Amino acid sequence: MYRCAIEFVAIAVQVASQVPRGHAELRDQLRRAALSVPLNIAEAAGRGSEADAARHYAIARGSAMECAAVLDVVRAIGSLQESQHRQAIELLARVVAMLTKLCRWPVAVAVAVADNDQVNDNAHVNDHASHTAPFEDTA
């Protein structure tokens, strides 16, 4: 995921250089949002609690979504070829998918722990039904 985010930064810098004069805000926003993705992933990796890490993964996810919107605008004004747009969006989709799972992971663990506590209190409940795989997509 981190490598994909870094790869996207390189693409974003290249795309930003193609944005025409008069659209400096798009160029700057793309660069800032693109850089925010790997920086927040790295910060999340260094956090001690899952909740704090999830918050940084969520920020990275939001920045990636913002990048997609900027790319759509840059494409709409005719400053981005379809093939470049597709490549960048596909890479962002991979990053967002991974970040989405990481954002949910602590919640899934908390639910599993809470369910497990309830199982211990109610011996008649099936223990296996109370566990949630941390990376299982439940949506």
N, C-alpha and C. Protein backbone atom coordinates (compact mmCIF):
# COMPACT_ATOMS: atom_id res chain seq x y z
N MET A 1 0.83 -1.18 0.00
CA MET A 1 0.00 0.00 0.00
C MET A 1 0.88 1.26 0.00
N TYR A 2 1.87 1.28 0.87
CA TYR A 2 2.77 2.44 0.94
C TYR A 2 3.46 2.64 -0.40
N ARG A 3 3.92 1.55 -1.01
CA ARG A 3 4.59 1.66 -2.32
C ARG A 3 3.63 2.19 -3.38
N CYS A 4 2.39 1.74 -3.35
CA CYS A 4 1.38 2.25 -4.29
C CYS A 4 1.18 3.75 -4.08
N ALA A 5 1.15 4.16 -2.83
CA ALA A 5 0.96 5.58 -2.52
C ALA A 5 2.14 6.40 -3.02
N ILE A 6 3.34 5.89 -2.86
CA ILE A 6 4.54 6.58 -3.36
C ILE A 6 4.51 6.63 -4.88
N GLU A 7 4.12 5.54 -5.50
CA GLU A 7 4.00 5.51 -6.96
C GLU A 7 2.99 6.54 -7.43
N PHE A 8 1.90 6.69 -6.68
CA PHE A 8 0.90 7.68 -7.06
C PHE A 8 1.45 9.10 -6.92
N VAL A 9 2.25 9.36 -5.91
CA VAL A 9 2.84 10.70 -5.75
C VAL A 9 3.63 11.06 -7.01
N ALA A 10 4.39 10.11 -7.52
CA ALA A 10 5.17 10.38 -8.74
C ALA A 10 4.25 10.72 -9.91
N ILE A 11 3.16 9.98 -10.03
CA ILE A 11 2.19 10.26 -11.10
C ILE A 11 1.54 11.63 -10.88
N ALA A 12 1.19 11.93 -9.64
CA ALA A 12 0.53 13.21 -9.32
C ALA A 12 1.43 14.39 -9.65
N VAL A 13 2.70 14.27 -9.36
CA VAL A 13 3.64 15.36 -9.68
C VAL A 13 3.71 15.56 -11.19
N GLN A 14 3.73 14.45 -11.92
CA GLN A 14 3.76 14.53 -13.38
C GLN A 14 2.47 15.17 -13.91
N VAL A 15 1.32 14.74 -13.38
CA VAL A 15 0.04 15.31 -13.80
C VAL A 15 -0.02 16.79 -13.44
N ALA A 16 0.43 17.13 -12.25
CA ALA A 16 0.39 18.53 -11.81
C ALA A 16 1.19 19.43 -12.75
N SER A 17 2.27 18.90 -13.27
CA SER A 17 3.08 19.71 -14.19
C SER A 17 2.36 19.97 -15.50
N GLN A 18 1.32 19.20 -15.81
CA GLN A 18 0.57 19.37 -17.06
C GLN A 18 -0.63 20.32 -16.90
N VAL A 19 -0.94 20.69 -15.66
CA VAL A 19 -2.07 21.57 -15.42
C VAL A 19 -1.72 22.95 -15.97
N PRO A 20 -2.61 23.51 -16.80
CA PRO A 20 -2.28 24.79 -17.44
C PRO A 20 -2.28 25.97 -16.47
N ARG A 21 -1.64 27.02 -16.91
CA ARG A 21 -1.64 28.28 -16.14
C ARG A 21 -3.08 28.69 -15.88
N GLY A 22 -3.28 29.33 -14.78
CA GLY A 22 -4.62 29.74 -14.42
C GLY A 22 -5.33 28.72 -13.54
N HIS A 23 -4.71 27.57 -13.34
CA HIS A 23 -5.29 26.52 -12.50
C HIS A 23 -4.28 26.06 -11.43
N ALA A 24 -3.55 27.02 -10.90
CA ALA A 24 -2.53 26.70 -9.90
C ALA A 24 -3.11 26.02 -8.68
N GLU A 25 -4.36 26.36 -8.33
CA GLU A 25 -4.98 25.75 -7.15
C GLU A 25 -5.16 24.24 -7.34
N LEU A 26 -5.46 23.80 -8.56
CA LEU A 26 -5.57 22.36 -8.82
C LEU A 26 -4.21 21.68 -8.70
N ARG A 27 -3.21 22.31 -9.25
CA ARG A 27 -1.85 21.77 -9.20
C ARG A 27 -1.41 21.62 -7.74
N ASP A 28 -1.59 22.68 -6.96
CA ASP A 28 -1.17 22.65 -5.56
C ASP A 28 -1.98 21.65 -4.74
N GLN A 29 -3.29 21.62 -4.98
CA GLN A 29 -4.14 20.70 -4.22
C GLN A 29 -3.79 19.25 -4.51
N LEU A 30 -3.53 18.94 -5.77
CA LEU A 30 -3.15 17.57 -6.13
C LEU A 30 -1.85 17.18 -5.46
N ARG A 31 -0.87 18.06 -5.50
CA ARG A 31 0.42 17.75 -4.86
C ARG A 31 0.27 17.55 -3.35
N ARG A 32 -0.48 18.43 -2.69
CA ARG A 32 -0.65 18.33 -1.23
C ARG A 32 -1.42 17.06 -0.85
N ALA A 33 -2.51 16.81 -1.55
CA ALA A 33 -3.32 15.63 -1.22
C ALA A 33 -2.56 14.34 -1.52
N ALA A 34 -1.84 14.31 -2.63
CA ALA A 34 -1.07 13.12 -2.98
C ALA A 34 0.01 12.84 -1.95
N LEU A 35 0.68 13.88 -1.50
CA LEU A 35 1.73 13.71 -0.50
C LEU A 35 1.16 13.28 0.86
N SER A 36 -0.05 13.72 1.14
CA SER A 36 -0.69 13.38 2.41
C SER A 36 -0.93 11.87 2.55
N VAL A 37 -1.14 11.18 1.44
CA VAL A 37 -1.46 9.75 1.51
C VAL A 37 -0.30 8.95 2.11
N PRO A 38 0.90 8.94 1.52
CA PRO A 38 1.96 8.13 2.12
C PRO A 38 2.43 8.66 3.49
N LEU A 39 2.35 9.99 3.68
CA LEU A 39 2.77 10.53 4.97
C LEU A 39 1.85 10.04 6.10
N ASN A 40 0.55 10.01 5.84
CA ASN A 40 -0.37 9.52 6.87
C ASN A 40 -0.30 8.01 7.04
N ILE A 41 0.00 7.28 5.98
CA ILE A 41 0.22 5.84 6.11
C ILE A 41 1.42 5.58 7.00
N ALA A 42 2.49 6.32 6.77
CA ALA A 42 3.70 6.17 7.59
C ALA A 42 3.42 6.55 9.03
N GLU A 43 2.70 7.62 9.24
CA GLU A 43 2.38 8.04 10.60
C GLU A 43 1.52 7.00 11.30
N ALA A 44 0.57 6.42 10.58
CA ALA A 44 -0.28 5.38 11.17
C ALA A 44 0.55 4.18 11.61
N ALA A 45 1.53 3.83 10.79
CA ALA A 45 2.37 2.68 11.11
C ALA A 45 3.17 2.90 12.39
N GLY A 46 3.42 4.15 12.72
CA GLY A 46 4.20 4.46 13.91
C GLY A 46 3.38 4.68 15.16
N ARG A 47 2.07 4.61 15.06
CA ARG A 47 1.20 4.87 16.21
C ARG A 47 1.10 3.64 17.10
N GLY A 48 0.90 3.91 18.39
CA GLY A 48 0.85 2.82 19.37
C GLY A 48 -0.51 2.16 19.49
N SER A 49 -1.57 2.90 19.26
CA SER A 49 -2.90 2.30 19.41
C SER A 49 -3.54 2.09 18.05
N GLU A 50 -4.39 1.07 17.96
CA GLU A 50 -5.08 0.79 16.71
C GLU A 50 -6.02 1.94 16.35
N ALA A 51 -6.66 2.54 17.34
CA ALA A 51 -7.60 3.63 17.07
C ALA A 51 -6.87 4.83 16.47
N ASP A 52 -5.70 5.15 17.00
CA ASP A 52 -4.93 6.27 16.48
C ASP A 52 -4.44 5.96 15.06
N ALA A 53 -3.98 4.72 14.86
CA ALA A 53 -3.54 4.32 13.52
C ALA A 53 -4.70 4.40 12.53
N ALA A 54 -5.88 3.93 12.95
CA ALA A 54 -7.05 3.95 12.07
C ALA A 54 -7.41 5.38 11.68
N ARG A 55 -7.23 6.31 12.60
CA ARG A 55 -7.52 7.71 12.30
C ARG A 55 -6.61 8.22 11.19
N HIS A 56 -5.33 7.87 11.24
CA HIS A 56 -4.40 8.30 10.20
C HIS A 56 -4.66 7.58 8.88
N TYR A 57 -5.05 6.30 8.95
CA TYR A 57 -5.42 5.60 7.73
C TYR A 57 -6.65 6.26 7.10
N ALA A 58 -7.59 6.71 7.93
CA ALA A 58 -8.80 7.38 7.43
C ALA A 58 -8.44 8.72 6.78
N ILE A 59 -7.50 9.44 7.36
CA ILE A 59 -7.04 10.70 6.76
C ILE A 59 -6.39 10.42 5.41
N ALA A 60 -5.56 9.38 5.35
CA ALA A 60 -4.91 9.01 4.08
C ALA A 60 -5.96 8.64 3.04
N ARG A 61 -6.99 7.91 3.47
CA ARG A 61 -8.07 7.52 2.55
C ARG A 61 -8.79 8.76 2.03
N GLY A 62 -9.08 9.69 2.90
CA GLY A 62 -9.74 10.92 2.47
C GLY A 62 -8.89 11.70 1.47
N SER A 63 -7.60 11.75 1.72
CA SER A 63 -6.70 12.44 0.79
C SER A 63 -6.66 11.75 -0.56
N ALA A 64 -6.69 10.42 -0.56
CA ALA A 64 -6.70 9.68 -1.82
C ALA A 64 -7.99 9.95 -2.60
N MET A 65 -9.10 10.02 -1.88
CA MET A 65 -10.38 10.34 -2.53
C MET A 65 -10.34 11.76 -3.11
N GLU A 66 -9.72 12.66 -2.37
CA GLU A 66 -9.56 14.04 -2.85
C GLU A 66 -8.73 14.06 -4.13
N CYS A 67 -7.67 13.27 -4.17
CA CYS A 67 -6.84 13.19 -5.37
C CYS A 67 -7.67 12.73 -6.57
N ALA A 68 -8.53 11.76 -6.36
CA ALA A 68 -9.37 11.26 -7.45
C ALA A 68 -10.27 12.39 -7.98
N ALA A 69 -10.82 13.18 -7.08
CA ALA A 69 -11.67 14.30 -7.50
C ALA A 69 -10.87 15.32 -8.29
N VAL A 70 -9.67 15.64 -7.84
CA VAL A 70 -8.83 16.60 -8.57
C VAL A 70 -8.49 16.05 -9.95
N LEU A 71 -8.18 14.77 -10.02
CA LEU A 71 -7.87 14.16 -11.32
C LEU A 71 -9.07 14.25 -12.26
N ASP A 72 -10.27 14.05 -11.72
CA ASP A 72 -11.48 14.17 -12.54
C ASP A 72 -11.62 15.58 -13.09
N VAL A 73 -11.34 16.57 -12.26
CA VAL A 73 -11.44 17.97 -12.70
C VAL A 73 -10.37 18.27 -13.75
N VAL A 74 -9.14 17.81 -13.51
CA VAL A 74 -8.06 18.05 -14.47
C VAL A 74 -8.40 17.38 -15.81
N ARG A 75 -8.99 16.19 -15.74
CA ARG A 75 -9.43 15.50 -16.97
C ARG A 75 -10.53 16.31 -17.66
N ALA A 76 -11.47 16.83 -16.88
CA ALA A 76 -12.59 17.58 -17.44
C ALA A 76 -12.15 18.85 -18.14
N ILE A 77 -11.09 19.48 -17.67
CA ILE A 77 -10.62 20.71 -18.33
C ILE A 77 -9.68 20.40 -19.50
N GLY A 78 -9.48 19.10 -19.76
CA GLY A 78 -8.71 18.69 -20.94
C GLY A 78 -7.22 18.67 -20.76
N SER A 79 -6.75 18.62 -19.52
CA SER A 79 -5.31 18.65 -19.27
C SER A 79 -4.72 17.28 -18.92
N LEU A 80 -5.53 16.24 -19.09
CA LEU A 80 -5.07 14.90 -18.72
C LEU A 80 -5.61 13.91 -19.73
N GLN A 81 -4.73 13.11 -20.30
CA GLN A 81 -5.15 12.09 -21.24
C GLN A 81 -5.91 10.98 -20.52
N GLU A 82 -6.82 10.36 -21.24
CA GLU A 82 -7.64 9.29 -20.66
C GLU A 82 -6.78 8.17 -20.08
N SER A 83 -5.72 7.79 -20.78
CA SER A 83 -4.88 6.69 -20.30
C SER A 83 -4.18 7.06 -18.99
N GLN A 84 -3.72 8.29 -18.87
CA GLN A 84 -3.09 8.74 -17.62
C GLN A 84 -4.12 8.78 -16.50
N HIS A 85 -5.30 9.28 -16.81
CA HIS A 85 -6.38 9.36 -15.82
C HIS A 85 -6.72 7.95 -15.32
N ARG A 86 -6.90 7.03 -16.23
CA ARG A 86 -7.24 5.65 -15.87
C ARG A 86 -6.16 5.02 -15.00
N GLN A 87 -4.90 5.19 -15.38
CA GLN A 87 -3.79 4.63 -14.62
C GLN A 87 -3.78 5.18 -13.19
N ALA A 88 -3.94 6.48 -13.07
CA ALA A 88 -3.91 7.12 -11.74
C ALA A 88 -5.11 6.68 -10.90
N ILE A 89 -6.28 6.64 -11.50
CA ILE A 89 -7.49 6.26 -10.77
C ILE A 89 -7.41 4.79 -10.33
N GLU A 90 -6.90 3.92 -11.17
CA GLU A 90 -6.76 2.50 -10.81
C GLU A 90 -5.81 2.34 -9.63
N LEU A 91 -4.72 3.07 -9.64
CA LEU A 91 -3.77 3.01 -8.53
C LEU A 91 -4.41 3.54 -7.25
N LEU A 92 -5.11 4.65 -7.36
CA LEU A 92 -5.81 5.19 -6.19
C LEU A 92 -6.87 4.22 -5.67
N ALA A 93 -7.57 3.55 -6.56
CA ALA A 93 -8.59 2.59 -6.14
C ALA A 93 -7.98 1.48 -5.30
N ARG A 94 -6.81 1.01 -5.69
CA ARG A 94 -6.11 -0.02 -4.91
C ARG A 94 -5.74 0.51 -3.53
N VAL A 95 -5.21 1.72 -3.49
CA VAL A 95 -4.82 2.33 -2.21
C VAL A 95 -6.05 2.52 -1.32
N VAL A 96 -7.12 3.04 -1.89
CA VAL A 96 -8.34 3.28 -1.10
C VAL A 96 -8.91 1.97 -0.57
N ALA A 97 -8.90 0.93 -1.37
CA ALA A 97 -9.42 -0.37 -0.92
C ALA A 97 -8.63 -0.89 0.28
N MET A 98 -7.32 -0.78 0.21
CA MET A 98 -6.49 -1.24 1.33
C MET A 98 -6.70 -0.37 2.56
N LEU A 99 -6.77 0.94 2.36
CA LEU A 99 -6.97 1.85 3.49
C LEU A 99 -8.34 1.65 4.13
N THR A 100 -9.34 1.37 3.33
CA THR A 100 -10.68 1.13 3.86
C THR A 100 -10.67 -0.05 4.82
N LYS A 101 -9.99 -1.11 4.44
CA LYS A 101 -9.89 -2.28 5.34
C LYS A 101 -9.12 -1.95 6.60
N LEU A 102 -8.06 -1.17 6.47
CA LEU A 102 -7.28 -0.81 7.65
C LEU A 102 -8.05 0.12 8.58
N CYS A 103 -8.90 0.96 8.02
CA CYS A 103 -9.73 1.85 8.85
C CYS A 103 -10.73 1.04 9.66
N ARG A 104 -11.22 -0.04 9.12
CA ARG A 104 -12.22 -0.87 9.79
C ARG A 104 -11.61 -1.85 10.77
N TRP A 105 -10.34 -2.17 10.62
CA TRP A 105 -9.71 -3.22 11.40
C TRP A 105 -9.85 -3.05 12.91
N PRO A 106 -9.52 -1.90 13.48
CA PRO A 106 -9.67 -1.78 14.94
C PRO A 106 -11.11 -1.94 15.40
N VAL A 107 -12.05 -1.48 14.61
CA VAL A 107 -13.45 -1.61 14.98
C VAL A 107 -13.83 -3.08 15.01
N ALA A 108 -13.38 -3.84 14.01
CA ALA A 108 -13.67 -5.26 13.97
C ALA A 108 -13.06 -5.98 15.17
N VAL A 109 -11.86 -5.60 15.55
CA VAL A 109 -11.21 -6.20 16.71
C VAL A 109 -11.99 -5.86 17.97
N ALA A 110 -12.42 -4.60 18.10
CA ALA A 110 -13.18 -4.19 19.28
C ALA A 110 -14.49 -4.95 19.37
N VAL A 111 -15.16 -5.15 18.23
CA VAL A 111 -16.41 -5.91 18.22
C VAL A 111 -16.14 -7.34 18.63
N ALA A 112 -15.08 -7.93 18.11
CA ALA A 112 -14.76 -9.31 18.45
C ALA A 112 -14.46 -9.45 19.93
N VAL A 113 -13.72 -8.50 20.49
CA VAL A 113 -13.40 -8.54 21.92
C VAL A 113 -14.67 -8.39 22.74
N ALA A 114 -15.52 -7.44 22.37
CA ALA A 114 -16.78 -7.24 23.09
C ALA A 114 -17.66 -8.47 22.99
N ASP A 115 -17.74 -9.05 21.81
CA ASP A 115 -18.53 -10.26 21.63
C ASP A 115 -17.95 -11.41 22.44
N ASN A 116 -16.64 -11.49 22.46
CA ASN A 116 -15.98 -12.55 23.22
C ASN A 116 -16.26 -12.40 24.70
N ASP A 117 -16.27 -11.16 25.22
CA ASP A 117 -16.60 -10.94 26.62
C ASP A 117 -18.02 -11.39 26.92
N GLN A 118 -18.93 -11.11 25.99
CA GLN A 118 -20.32 -11.53 26.17
C GLN A 118 -20.41 -13.05 26.16
N VAL A 119 -19.62 -13.71 25.31
CA VAL A 119 -19.63 -15.16 25.26
C VAL A 119 -19.15 -15.73 26.58
N ASN A 120 -18.12 -15.12 27.14
CA ASN A 120 -17.62 -15.61 28.42
C ASN A 120 -18.66 -15.45 29.52
N ASP A 121 -19.51 -14.41 29.41
CA ASP A 121 -20.56 -14.19 30.39
C ASP A 121 -21.75 -15.11 30.16
N ASN A 122 -21.96 -15.51 28.91
CA ASN A 122 -23.09 -16.37 28.55
C ASN A 122 -22.56 -17.66 27.93
N ALA A 123 -22.32 -18.65 28.72
CA ALA A 123 -21.66 -19.87 28.28
C ALA A 123 -22.43 -20.62 27.19
N HIS A 124 -23.72 -20.38 27.07
CA HIS A 124 -24.51 -21.10 26.09
C HIS A 124 -24.35 -20.57 24.66
N VAL A 125 -23.68 -19.43 24.47
CA VAL A 125 -23.49 -18.86 23.14
C VAL A 125 -22.30 -19.53 22.46
N ASN A 126 -22.43 -19.80 21.20
CA ASN A 126 -21.36 -20.44 20.44
C ASN A 126 -20.16 -19.51 20.34
N ASP A 127 -19.02 -19.94 20.83
CA ASP A 127 -17.80 -19.12 20.86
C ASP A 127 -17.34 -18.73 19.46
N HIS A 128 -17.48 -19.61 18.50
CA HIS A 128 -17.00 -19.31 17.16
C HIS A 128 -17.81 -18.21 16.48
N ALA A 129 -19.04 -18.06 16.81
CA ALA A 129 -19.88 -17.04 16.17
C ALA A 129 -19.52 -15.63 16.62
N SER A 130 -18.78 -15.51 17.70
CA SER A 130 -18.48 -14.19 18.23
C SER A 130 -17.23 -13.54 17.66
N HIS A 131 -16.46 -14.27 16.88
CA HIS A 131 -15.20 -13.74 16.37
C HIS A 131 -15.36 -13.18 14.97
N THR A 132 -14.76 -12.04 14.75
CA THR A 132 -14.78 -11.39 13.45
C THR A 132 -13.34 -11.30 12.96
N ALA A 133 -13.08 -11.75 11.75
CA ALA A 133 -11.74 -11.65 11.18
C ALA A 133 -11.42 -10.17 10.98
N PRO A 134 -10.26 -9.70 11.40
CA PRO A 134 -9.96 -8.28 11.34
C PRO A 134 -9.98 -7.70 9.93
N PHE A 135 -9.66 -8.46 8.90
CA PHE A 135 -9.60 -7.91 7.57
C PHE A 135 -10.74 -8.39 6.68
N GLU A 136 -11.76 -8.97 7.28
CA GLU A 136 -12.91 -9.43 6.53
C GLU A 136 -13.75 -8.24 6.13
N ASP A 137 -14.11 -8.17 4.88
CA ASP A 137 -14.94 -7.07 4.39
C ASP A 137 -16.38 -7.42 4.69
N THR A 138 -16.99 -6.67 5.63
CA THR A 138 -18.34 -6.97 6.04
C THR A 138 -19.36 -6.08 5.36
N ALA A 139 -18.90 -5.16 4.54
CA ALA A 139 -19.83 -4.23 3.87
C ALA A 139 -20.46 -4.85 2.65
